[in-house]
Amino acid sequence: MIDKNDWRLLNDVDNLRGAYINPTDGEEICQNAKHLDHCVFCYDTVNNDRHQFWYVPENISCCICESCFKDFNEMFKWRLLDGYDIEWTLKDTIDTFIQKDQNT
């Protein structure tokens, strides 16, 4: 059982409670959502590796490493999807927003 004072919970992650989560891998994240470069909980780095397992919420706002997914799945009551329905097209909107933000 994870302690509610775990240092990885210091980030703003409350919006992930009850979220629908898709499994994916580092290679897919690197190809489709370059803005996701680390785990939102522990800051582990996403590598361009199809054997590195990750999880992303439906809105592709962040990614969760395999270890943190296992540690926090019960606490956050995530609803696991099959991974085939990831709408990577949302990343275009996010990338555009990030690019505009960097230019201002």
Foldseek 3Di string as FASTA:
>chain_A
DDDPVPQLVPFPCLVLAQFEKEKFALLVCVVQAVVAAAASRPRHGRDNDRVFIWMATLLRPYIHGPVVCVVCCVVRVYHYDHNPPRPSVSSVVVVVVVVVVVVD
